[in-house]
Amino acid sequence: MPASPRAIVLASASPRRADLLRGLGLSFSVRPAEVPETPRPGEAAGDMAERLARDKAAGLLTPPDPSLVLAADTVVVLDGRLLGKPRDDREACDMLARLAGATHEVITGYALRLTPEGALHSGRARSRVTFLPLSAAEIDWYVGTGEGRDKAGAYALQGIGALFISRVEGSYTNVIGLPLDHLYPHLLRLGLIGHGARGAAPS
């Protein structure tokens, strides 16, 4: 008797992460996990991102069996300082003024939980992103588009923000929010992608 296909559950409300999975031809459901995204005292940015990803994956209640629950958390770090999602347009302008002409780091923590086995694997990916110099008028214009209001660092690499990026070192999809190069070995091992994959969307 063949094994039942393993369902994929994305524990994130991010449309960017969903788009990346769709681009792989995968079928999945979206069930965001609510976890407070607050750093602990003295916690390094990468440690926080991976911890939050693990908490999101582990905290999702009653996923289907068998399933792969996928969670992630992305942070932006400039000169050791964590840049989260801007609270308003003024803070977004301040963030972009600091990022302009500089190189920052993007870290995505990711976690994969298998049910009913209970196994939980996590890791993190790091990329370096360099911005072009930006004028105050350019920053005001970009913030006015609203593209970066719900994104760490107040910008989107896959959108209008690409106009201002001069270089990306490391995983491009990591900067968007889901490092596909890191996930590929796990998806392949589980038979969810690649030759003979189950759970892929029909072409």
Protein backbone atom coordinates (compact mmCIF):
# COMPACT_ATOMS: atom_id res chain seq x y z
CA MET A 1 0.00 0.00 0.00
CA PRO A 2 1.60 3.35 -1.00
CA ALA A 3 2.34 5.93 1.68
CA SER A 4 -0.12 8.78 2.06
CA PRO A 5 1.06 12.05 0.50
CA ARG A 6 2.43 14.44 3.09
CA ALA A 7 0.53 17.73 3.26
CA ILE A 8 2.50 20.98 3.39
CA VAL A 9 1.36 23.67 5.81
CA LEU A 10 2.91 27.14 5.65
CA ALA A 11 2.78 28.63 9.15
CA SER A 12 3.13 32.19 7.83
CA ALA A 13 0.84 34.90 6.50
CA SER A 14 3.60 36.25 4.26
CA PRO A 15 2.45 36.40 0.62
CA ARG A 16 6.12 36.48 -0.45
CA ARG A 17 6.79 33.08 1.14
CA ALA A 18 3.63 31.67 -0.38
CA ASP A 19 4.68 32.95 -3.81
CA LEU A 20 8.06 31.23 -3.48
CA LEU A 21 6.43 27.89 -2.67
CA ARG A 22 3.96 28.27 -5.53
CA GLY A 23 6.89 28.92 -7.81
CA LEU A 24 8.12 25.42 -6.97
CA GLY A 25 4.80 23.96 -8.07
CA LEU A 26 3.87 22.89 -4.55
CA SER A 27 0.36 22.57 -3.16
CA PHE A 28 0.04 23.79 0.43
CA SER A 29 -2.31 25.34 2.95
CA VAL A 30 -1.64 28.56 4.86
CA ARG A 31 -2.15 28.59 8.63
CA PRO A 32 -0.28 31.50 10.23
CA ALA A 33 1.07 30.85 13.71
CA GLU A 34 0.75 33.71 16.18
CA VAL A 35 4.02 34.13 18.09
CA PRO A 36 5.22 37.36 19.80
CA GLU A 37 8.19 38.58 17.74
CA THR A 38 10.09 40.06 20.67
CA PRO A 39 13.84 39.64 21.15
CA ARG A 40 15.05 38.29 24.47
CA PRO A 41 17.63 40.28 26.45
CA GLY A 42 21.03 39.84 24.84
CA GLU A 43 19.67 37.55 22.12
CA ALA A 44 21.57 37.67 18.81
CA ALA A 45 19.53 38.41 15.70
CA GLY A 46 20.15 35.01 14.10
CA ASP A 47 19.29 33.19 17.32
CA MET A 48 16.04 35.15 17.55
CA ALA A 49 15.06 34.41 13.94
CA GLU A 50 15.63 30.68 14.35
CA ARG A 51 13.88 30.57 17.75
CA LEU A 52 10.81 32.32 16.36
CA ALA A 53 10.69 29.96 13.40
CA ARG A 54 10.83 26.96 15.72
CA ASP A 55 8.14 28.46 17.97
CA LYS A 56 5.87 29.07 14.98
CA ALA A 57 6.31 25.55 13.64
CA ALA A 58 5.88 23.90 17.03
CA GLY A 59 2.97 26.11 18.05
CA LEU A 60 0.67 25.29 15.15
CA LEU A 61 -2.21 23.27 16.57
CA THR A 62 -3.70 20.15 14.95
CA PRO A 63 -1.93 20.10 11.58
CA PRO A 64 -3.04 17.24 9.32
CA ASP A 65 -1.24 13.89 9.47
CA PRO A 66 1.09 13.28 7.82
CA SER A 67 2.32 16.79 7.16
CA LEU A 68 5.28 19.11 6.88
CA VAL A 69 4.79 22.36 8.79
CA LEU A 70 7.08 25.06 7.45
CA ALA A 71 7.76 28.27 9.38
CA ALA A 72 10.23 31.12 8.97
CA ASP A 73 11.23 34.47 10.43
CA THR A 74 13.38 37.07 8.66
CA VAL A 75 15.39 39.85 10.28
CA VAL A 76 17.51 42.69 8.91
CA VAL A 77 20.70 43.69 10.72
CA LEU A 78 22.79 46.81 10.08
CA ASP A 79 25.97 47.42 12.09
CA GLY A 80 24.73 45.03 14.77
CA ARG A 81 21.37 46.76 15.07
CA LEU A 82 18.13 44.91 14.38
CA LEU A 83 15.77 46.61 11.93
CA GLY A 84 12.26 45.24 12.22
CA LYS A 85 9.06 46.20 10.47
CA PRO A 86 8.57 49.98 10.52
CA ARG A 87 5.85 51.24 12.84
CA ASP A 88 5.03 54.13 10.51
CA ASP A 89 6.31 55.95 7.42
CA ARG A 90 8.62 58.15 9.45
CA GLU A 91 10.42 55.14 10.90
CA ALA A 92 10.57 53.60 7.42
CA CYS A 93 12.33 56.75 6.15
CA ASP A 94 14.81 56.56 9.02
CA MET A 95 15.57 52.90 8.27
CA LEU A 96 16.11 53.52 4.57
CA ALA A 97 18.34 56.50 5.27
CA ARG A 98 20.56 54.21 7.35
CA LEU A 99 20.51 51.43 4.74
CA ALA A 100 21.32 53.79 1.84
CA GLY A 101 24.86 53.31 0.50
CA ALA A 102 25.58 50.59 3.06
CA THR A 103 25.71 46.79 3.23
CA HIS A 104 23.45 45.00 5.69
CA GLU A 105 22.73 41.40 6.59
CA VAL A 106 19.46 39.52 6.13
CA ILE A 107 18.96 36.42 8.28
CA THR A 108 16.08 34.00 7.90
CA GLY A 109 15.47 31.36 10.52
CA TYR A 110 13.44 28.42 9.24
CA ALA A 111 11.89 25.37 10.85
CA LEU A 112 10.36 22.16 9.51
CA ARG A 113 8.09 20.05 11.70
CA LEU A 114 6.97 16.59 10.66
CA THR A 115 3.71 15.11 11.91
CA PRO A 116 2.90 12.67 13.32
CA GLU A 117 6.60 11.91 13.86
CA GLY A 118 7.15 15.05 15.96
CA ALA A 119 10.58 15.75 14.47
CA LEU A 120 11.54 19.44 14.32
CA HIS A 121 14.51 20.66 12.28
CA SER A 122 15.66 24.25 12.10
CA GLY A 123 18.44 26.34 10.62
CA ARG A 124 19.23 29.80 9.33
CA ALA A 125 20.45 31.46 6.16
CA ARG A 126 22.45 34.67 5.83
CA SER A 127 22.74 37.04 2.89
CA ARG A 128 24.41 40.42 2.46
CA VAL A 129 22.57 43.18 0.62
CA THR A 130 24.13 46.44 -0.57
CA PHE A 131 22.02 49.53 -1.22
CA LEU A 132 22.82 52.29 -3.65
CA PRO A 133 23.09 55.79 -2.17
CA LEU A 134 19.60 57.31 -1.90
CA SER A 135 18.48 60.92 -1.84
CA ALA A 136 15.82 62.12 0.60
CA ALA A 137 13.43 62.52 -2.34
CA GLU A 138 14.00 58.92 -3.44
CA ILE A 139 13.38 57.66 0.09
CA ASP A 140 10.18 59.70 0.42
CA TRP A 141 8.95 58.42 -2.95
CA TYR A 142 9.65 54.79 -2.11
CA VAL A 143 8.07 55.00 1.34
CA GLY A 144 5.05 56.60 -0.30
CA THR A 145 4.52 53.50 -2.44
CA GLY A 146 3.70 51.60 0.77
CA GLU A 147 5.68 48.57 -0.39
CA GLY A 148 7.89 48.33 2.70
CA ARG A 149 5.34 48.96 5.42
CA ASP A 150 5.05 45.32 6.52
CA LYS A 151 8.62 44.25 5.82
CA ALA A 152 11.76 44.08 7.96
CA GLY A 153 14.07 46.90 6.93
CA ALA A 154 11.20 48.74 5.20
CA TYR A 155 11.94 47.43 1.70
CA ALA A 156 11.17 44.57 -0.69
CA LEU A 157 13.88 43.10 -2.90
CA GLN A 158 11.34 41.46 -5.20
CA GLY A 159 9.44 44.69 -5.84
CA ILE A 160 10.15 48.36 -6.45
CA GLY A 161 12.93 48.16 -3.89
CA ALA A 162 15.03 46.23 -6.42
CA LEU A 163 15.74 49.60 -8.07
CA PHE A 164 17.97 50.53 -5.14
CA ILE A 165 19.90 47.27 -4.62
CA SER A 166 23.37 47.13 -6.15
CA ARG A 167 24.46 43.69 -4.90
CA VAL A 168 23.17 40.57 -3.16
CA GLU A 169 25.68 38.10 -1.72
CA GLY A 170 24.21 34.73 -0.85
CA SER A 171 20.69 33.41 -1.28
CA TYR A 172 18.34 35.76 -3.14
CA THR A 173 15.23 33.95 -1.88
CA ASN A 174 16.51 34.27 1.68
CA VAL A 175 16.22 38.05 1.34
CA ILE A 176 12.63 37.61 0.17
CA GLY A 177 11.89 35.50 3.25
CA LEU A 178 12.43 31.81 2.52
CA PRO A 179 15.85 30.33 1.61
CA LEU A 180 14.84 27.75 -0.98
CA ASP A 181 18.39 26.46 -1.35
CA HIS A 182 18.32 25.42 2.31
CA LEU A 183 14.87 23.85 2.05
CA TYR A 184 15.55 21.90 -1.14
CA PRO A 185 17.37 18.92 0.48
CA HIS A 186 14.50 18.46 2.95
CA LEU A 187 11.79 18.70 0.29
CA LEU A 188 13.73 16.24 -1.85
CA ARG A 189 14.24 13.76 1.00
CA LEU A 190 10.52 13.84 1.81
CA GLY A 191 9.56 13.21 -1.78
CA LEU A 192 7.76 16.55 -2.06
CA ILE A 193 9.86 17.88 -4.92
CA GLY A 194 11.97 16.46 -7.70
CA HIS A 195 11.40 13.40 -9.89
CA GLY A 196 8.36 11.47 -8.78
CA ALA A 197 7.43 14.04 -6.14
CA ARG A 198 4.07 13.71 -4.45
CA GLY A 199 2.08 16.75 -3.40
CA ALA A 200 3.14 18.87 -6.34
CA ALA A 201 0.53 20.94 -8.08
CA PRO A 202 -0.58 19.61 -11.46
CA SER A 203 1.03 21.28 -14.46
